[in-house]
N, C-alpha and C. Protein backbone atom coordinates (compact mmCIF):
# COMPACT_ATOMS: atom_id res chain seq x y z
N MET A 1 -58.78 93.96 -20.94
CA MET A 1 -58.69 94.28 -19.52
C MET A 1 -58.35 95.75 -19.38
N ASN A 2 -59.11 96.41 -18.56
CA ASN A 2 -58.83 97.81 -18.26
C ASN A 2 -57.58 97.92 -17.40
N LYS A 3 -57.05 99.08 -17.36
CA LYS A 3 -55.82 99.34 -16.60
C LYS A 3 -56.14 99.56 -15.12
N CYS A 4 -55.14 99.36 -14.29
CA CYS A 4 -55.26 99.64 -12.86
C CYS A 4 -55.46 101.14 -12.68
N PRO A 5 -56.44 101.57 -11.89
CA PRO A 5 -56.67 103.00 -11.69
C PRO A 5 -55.51 103.70 -10.97
N ASN A 6 -54.69 102.93 -10.26
CA ASN A 6 -53.60 103.53 -9.50
C ASN A 6 -52.33 103.68 -10.33
N CYS A 7 -51.88 102.61 -11.00
CA CYS A 7 -50.60 102.64 -11.71
C CYS A 7 -50.73 102.62 -13.23
N ASN A 8 -51.95 102.45 -13.76
CA ASN A 8 -52.23 102.46 -15.19
C ASN A 8 -51.56 101.30 -15.95
N ASN A 9 -51.34 100.18 -15.28
CA ASN A 9 -50.83 98.96 -15.91
C ASN A 9 -51.91 97.89 -15.85
N THR A 10 -51.71 96.81 -16.61
CA THR A 10 -52.65 95.69 -16.54
C THR A 10 -52.54 95.05 -15.17
N PRO A 11 -53.62 94.99 -14.40
CA PRO A 11 -53.52 94.55 -13.01
C PRO A 11 -53.37 93.05 -12.82
N ILE A 12 -53.81 92.23 -13.81
CA ILE A 12 -53.84 90.79 -13.60
C ILE A 12 -53.81 90.11 -14.96
N SER A 13 -53.16 88.94 -15.04
CA SER A 13 -53.09 88.20 -16.29
C SER A 13 -54.39 87.43 -16.52
N PHE A 14 -54.58 86.96 -17.75
CA PHE A 14 -55.79 86.21 -18.08
C PHE A 14 -55.89 84.94 -17.26
N PHE A 15 -54.78 84.26 -17.03
CA PHE A 15 -54.81 83.01 -16.27
C PHE A 15 -55.10 83.26 -14.80
N GLU A 16 -54.60 84.34 -14.24
CA GLU A 16 -54.91 84.71 -12.87
C GLU A 16 -56.37 85.14 -12.74
N TRP A 17 -56.89 85.77 -13.78
CA TRP A 17 -58.29 86.20 -13.82
C TRP A 17 -59.22 85.01 -13.63
N ASN A 18 -58.86 83.88 -14.21
CA ASN A 18 -59.70 82.69 -14.18
C ASN A 18 -59.56 81.88 -12.89
N ARG A 19 -58.63 82.21 -12.05
CA ARG A 19 -58.43 81.47 -10.80
C ARG A 19 -59.25 82.08 -9.68
N GLY A 20 -60.07 81.27 -9.08
CA GLY A 20 -60.82 81.72 -7.90
C GLY A 20 -61.74 82.88 -8.19
N LEU A 21 -61.76 83.82 -7.30
CA LEU A 21 -62.65 84.98 -7.41
C LEU A 21 -61.89 86.24 -7.81
N ASN A 22 -60.80 86.09 -8.55
CA ASN A 22 -60.00 87.25 -8.94
C ASN A 22 -60.74 88.21 -9.86
N ALA A 23 -61.79 87.77 -10.50
CA ALA A 23 -62.57 88.67 -11.35
C ALA A 23 -63.33 89.70 -10.51
N PHE A 24 -63.56 89.38 -9.24
CA PHE A 24 -64.36 90.26 -8.39
C PHE A 24 -63.52 91.13 -7.47
N SER A 25 -62.36 90.66 -7.08
CA SER A 25 -61.44 91.47 -6.28
C SER A 25 -60.05 90.86 -6.33
N CYS A 26 -59.04 91.71 -6.36
CA CYS A 26 -57.66 91.23 -6.38
C CYS A 26 -56.74 92.40 -6.02
N LYS A 27 -55.47 92.10 -6.00
CA LYS A 27 -54.45 93.14 -5.83
C LYS A 27 -53.70 93.28 -7.14
N CYS A 28 -53.41 94.50 -7.51
CA CYS A 28 -52.66 94.75 -8.74
C CYS A 28 -51.29 94.08 -8.64
N GLN A 29 -50.87 93.39 -9.70
CA GLN A 29 -49.57 92.72 -9.70
C GLN A 29 -48.42 93.71 -9.71
N ASN A 30 -48.66 94.94 -10.13
CA ASN A 30 -47.59 95.92 -10.26
C ASN A 30 -47.43 96.79 -9.01
N CYS A 31 -48.55 97.29 -8.47
CA CYS A 31 -48.47 98.23 -7.35
C CYS A 31 -49.09 97.69 -6.06
N SER A 32 -49.63 96.48 -6.08
CA SER A 32 -50.26 95.83 -4.92
C SER A 32 -51.45 96.61 -4.37
N TRP A 33 -52.08 97.41 -5.19
CA TRP A 33 -53.24 98.18 -4.78
C TRP A 33 -54.46 97.27 -4.78
N PRO A 34 -55.26 97.25 -3.70
CA PRO A 34 -56.47 96.40 -3.69
C PRO A 34 -57.53 96.95 -4.66
N LEU A 35 -58.04 96.07 -5.49
CA LEU A 35 -59.01 96.47 -6.51
C LEU A 35 -60.29 95.65 -6.38
N ARG A 36 -61.40 96.27 -6.70
CA ARG A 36 -62.70 95.59 -6.74
C ARG A 36 -63.17 95.56 -8.19
N GLY A 37 -63.82 94.45 -8.56
CA GLY A 37 -64.33 94.31 -9.93
C GLY A 37 -65.49 95.25 -10.19
N LYS A 38 -65.60 95.67 -11.43
CA LYS A 38 -66.74 96.49 -11.83
C LYS A 38 -67.99 95.62 -11.93
N ILE A 39 -69.12 96.25 -11.99
CA ILE A 39 -70.40 95.53 -12.05
C ILE A 39 -70.49 94.68 -13.32
N ILE A 40 -69.84 95.10 -14.39
CA ILE A 40 -69.87 94.33 -15.63
C ILE A 40 -69.25 92.95 -15.43
N ASN A 41 -68.28 92.82 -14.52
CA ASN A 41 -67.68 91.52 -14.23
C ASN A 41 -68.73 90.56 -13.67
N ILE A 42 -69.56 91.05 -12.78
CA ILE A 42 -70.60 90.21 -12.17
C ILE A 42 -71.65 89.83 -13.21
N VAL A 43 -72.04 90.78 -14.05
CA VAL A 43 -73.04 90.52 -15.08
C VAL A 43 -72.51 89.48 -16.07
N LEU A 44 -71.27 89.63 -16.53
CA LEU A 44 -70.71 88.68 -17.48
C LEU A 44 -70.51 87.31 -16.85
N PHE A 45 -70.17 87.26 -15.58
CA PHE A 45 -70.06 85.98 -14.88
C PHE A 45 -71.41 85.27 -14.85
N ALA A 46 -72.46 86.01 -14.53
CA ALA A 46 -73.80 85.42 -14.48
C ALA A 46 -74.24 84.94 -15.85
N VAL A 47 -73.95 85.70 -16.90
CA VAL A 47 -74.30 85.31 -18.26
C VAL A 47 -73.53 84.05 -18.66
N THR A 48 -72.27 83.96 -18.29
CA THR A 48 -71.46 82.78 -18.60
C THR A 48 -72.00 81.54 -17.91
N VAL A 49 -72.32 81.65 -16.64
CA VAL A 49 -72.88 80.51 -15.90
C VAL A 49 -74.23 80.10 -16.49
N LEU A 50 -75.06 81.07 -16.80
CA LEU A 50 -76.36 80.78 -17.38
C LEU A 50 -76.23 80.09 -18.74
N SER A 51 -75.30 80.57 -19.58
CA SER A 51 -75.12 79.94 -20.88
C SER A 51 -74.58 78.52 -20.75
N ALA A 52 -73.74 78.27 -19.75
CA ALA A 52 -73.23 76.92 -19.52
C ALA A 52 -74.35 75.98 -19.09
N VAL A 53 -75.23 76.44 -18.23
CA VAL A 53 -76.36 75.62 -17.78
C VAL A 53 -77.32 75.35 -18.94
N VAL A 54 -77.63 76.37 -19.71
CA VAL A 54 -78.51 76.20 -20.86
C VAL A 54 -77.86 75.27 -21.89
N GLY A 55 -76.56 75.41 -22.10
CA GLY A 55 -75.85 74.53 -23.02
C GLY A 55 -75.91 73.08 -22.60
N LEU A 56 -75.78 72.83 -21.31
CA LEU A 56 -75.87 71.47 -20.80
C LEU A 56 -77.28 70.90 -20.99
N ILE A 57 -78.29 71.69 -20.70
CA ILE A 57 -79.68 71.24 -20.86
C ILE A 57 -79.99 70.96 -22.33
N VAL A 58 -79.57 71.86 -23.20
CA VAL A 58 -79.80 71.67 -24.63
C VAL A 58 -79.09 70.43 -25.14
N ALA A 59 -77.86 70.23 -24.72
CA ALA A 59 -77.10 69.06 -25.16
C ALA A 59 -77.77 67.77 -24.69
N ARG A 60 -78.27 67.76 -23.48
CA ARG A 60 -78.94 66.55 -22.96
C ARG A 60 -80.24 66.28 -23.68
N GLU A 61 -81.00 67.31 -24.01
CA GLU A 61 -82.31 67.11 -24.61
C GLU A 61 -82.25 66.87 -26.12
N ILE A 62 -81.52 67.70 -26.82
CA ILE A 62 -81.48 67.59 -28.28
C ILE A 62 -80.67 66.38 -28.74
N PHE A 63 -79.49 66.23 -28.16
CA PHE A 63 -78.59 65.16 -28.61
C PHE A 63 -78.75 63.88 -27.81
N GLU A 64 -79.64 63.89 -26.84
CA GLU A 64 -79.93 62.72 -26.01
C GLU A 64 -78.67 62.10 -25.42
N PHE A 65 -77.90 62.94 -24.75
CA PHE A 65 -76.68 62.49 -24.09
C PHE A 65 -76.95 62.07 -22.65
N ARG A 66 -78.11 61.57 -22.37
CA ARG A 66 -78.46 61.22 -20.99
C ARG A 66 -77.53 60.14 -20.43
N ASN A 67 -77.08 59.24 -21.28
CA ASN A 67 -76.23 58.14 -20.81
C ASN A 67 -74.76 58.35 -21.14
N ALA A 68 -74.41 59.50 -21.68
CA ALA A 68 -73.02 59.77 -22.06
C ALA A 68 -72.17 60.02 -20.81
N ILE A 69 -70.88 59.88 -20.98
CA ILE A 69 -69.95 60.14 -19.89
C ILE A 69 -70.00 61.64 -19.59
N LYS A 70 -70.15 61.99 -18.33
CA LYS A 70 -70.31 63.40 -17.95
C LYS A 70 -69.09 64.23 -18.32
N GLY A 71 -67.91 63.69 -18.20
CA GLY A 71 -66.69 64.43 -18.53
C GLY A 71 -66.61 64.81 -19.99
N VAL A 72 -67.00 63.89 -20.87
CA VAL A 72 -66.98 64.16 -22.31
C VAL A 72 -68.03 65.21 -22.65
N LEU A 73 -69.20 65.09 -22.07
CA LEU A 73 -70.26 66.07 -22.29
C LEU A 73 -69.82 67.46 -21.85
N PHE A 74 -69.17 67.52 -20.71
CA PHE A 74 -68.68 68.81 -20.21
C PHE A 74 -67.66 69.41 -21.17
N ILE A 75 -66.70 68.63 -21.60
CA ILE A 75 -65.64 69.15 -22.46
C ILE A 75 -66.20 69.59 -23.81
N ILE A 76 -67.08 68.82 -24.38
CA ILE A 76 -67.59 69.13 -25.72
C ILE A 76 -68.50 70.35 -25.74
N PHE A 77 -69.37 70.49 -24.75
CA PHE A 77 -70.39 71.53 -24.81
C PHE A 77 -70.22 72.66 -23.81
N ILE A 78 -69.71 72.38 -22.65
CA ILE A 78 -69.68 73.40 -21.61
C ILE A 78 -68.36 74.18 -21.58
N ALA A 79 -67.25 73.49 -21.72
CA ALA A 79 -65.94 74.15 -21.64
C ALA A 79 -65.80 75.29 -22.65
N PRO A 80 -66.18 75.11 -23.93
CA PRO A 80 -66.06 76.25 -24.84
C PRO A 80 -66.90 77.46 -24.42
N LEU A 81 -68.09 77.22 -23.89
CA LEU A 81 -68.91 78.33 -23.42
C LEU A 81 -68.24 79.08 -22.28
N ILE A 82 -67.64 78.35 -21.36
CA ILE A 82 -66.97 78.96 -20.22
C ILE A 82 -65.72 79.72 -20.67
N ILE A 83 -64.95 79.13 -21.58
CA ILE A 83 -63.74 79.79 -22.06
C ILE A 83 -64.07 81.07 -22.82
N ILE A 84 -65.07 81.01 -23.68
CA ILE A 84 -65.47 82.21 -24.42
C ILE A 84 -66.02 83.28 -23.47
N GLY A 85 -66.86 82.88 -22.53
CA GLY A 85 -67.40 83.85 -21.56
C GLY A 85 -66.31 84.46 -20.70
N SER A 86 -65.34 83.65 -20.32
CA SER A 86 -64.24 84.16 -19.52
C SER A 86 -63.38 85.15 -20.31
N GLY A 87 -63.15 84.84 -21.57
CA GLY A 87 -62.38 85.75 -22.42
C GLY A 87 -63.08 87.08 -22.62
N ILE A 88 -64.38 87.02 -22.86
CA ILE A 88 -65.15 88.26 -23.02
C ILE A 88 -65.13 89.06 -21.71
N GLY A 89 -65.27 88.36 -20.58
CA GLY A 89 -65.22 89.05 -19.29
C GLY A 89 -63.89 89.70 -19.02
N TYR A 90 -62.80 89.04 -19.42
CA TYR A 90 -61.46 89.60 -19.19
C TYR A 90 -61.25 90.86 -20.03
N TRP A 91 -61.64 90.83 -21.29
CA TRP A 91 -61.38 91.98 -22.15
C TRP A 91 -62.40 93.10 -21.99
N MET A 92 -63.59 92.79 -21.53
CA MET A 92 -64.57 93.85 -21.33
C MET A 92 -64.61 94.34 -19.88
N GLY A 93 -64.23 93.49 -18.95
CA GLY A 93 -64.31 93.82 -17.53
C GLY A 93 -63.18 94.74 -17.09
N GLY A 94 -63.18 95.02 -15.83
CA GLY A 94 -62.15 95.89 -15.28
C GLY A 94 -62.29 96.01 -13.78
N TYR A 95 -61.49 96.89 -13.22
CA TYR A 95 -61.46 97.08 -11.78
C TYR A 95 -61.63 98.55 -11.43
N LYS A 96 -62.07 98.75 -10.21
CA LYS A 96 -62.14 100.10 -9.64
C LYS A 96 -61.51 100.06 -8.26
N ILE A 97 -61.19 101.21 -7.76
CA ILE A 97 -60.56 101.27 -6.42
C ILE A 97 -61.64 101.22 -5.37
């Protein structure tokens, strides 16, 4: 995570990053300065969503999970993709004023 342009501290924690739309805009936890996400945040979000959709399609077609419980399918194949994408977005992304 890049530093806040105003106070040069980490503006938001990883868990707060994952809540709602904090990746796109938030207030710095240290100085309360309003921040907007960089374009890389939007690109990484789109890549994460796309990989989750592709992962679900691949899992259904290759492993024939058509009749499997949806919750188990989500946890096994989709959750790791989302967690990894979110982590990459947090460490590569950042904010601007």
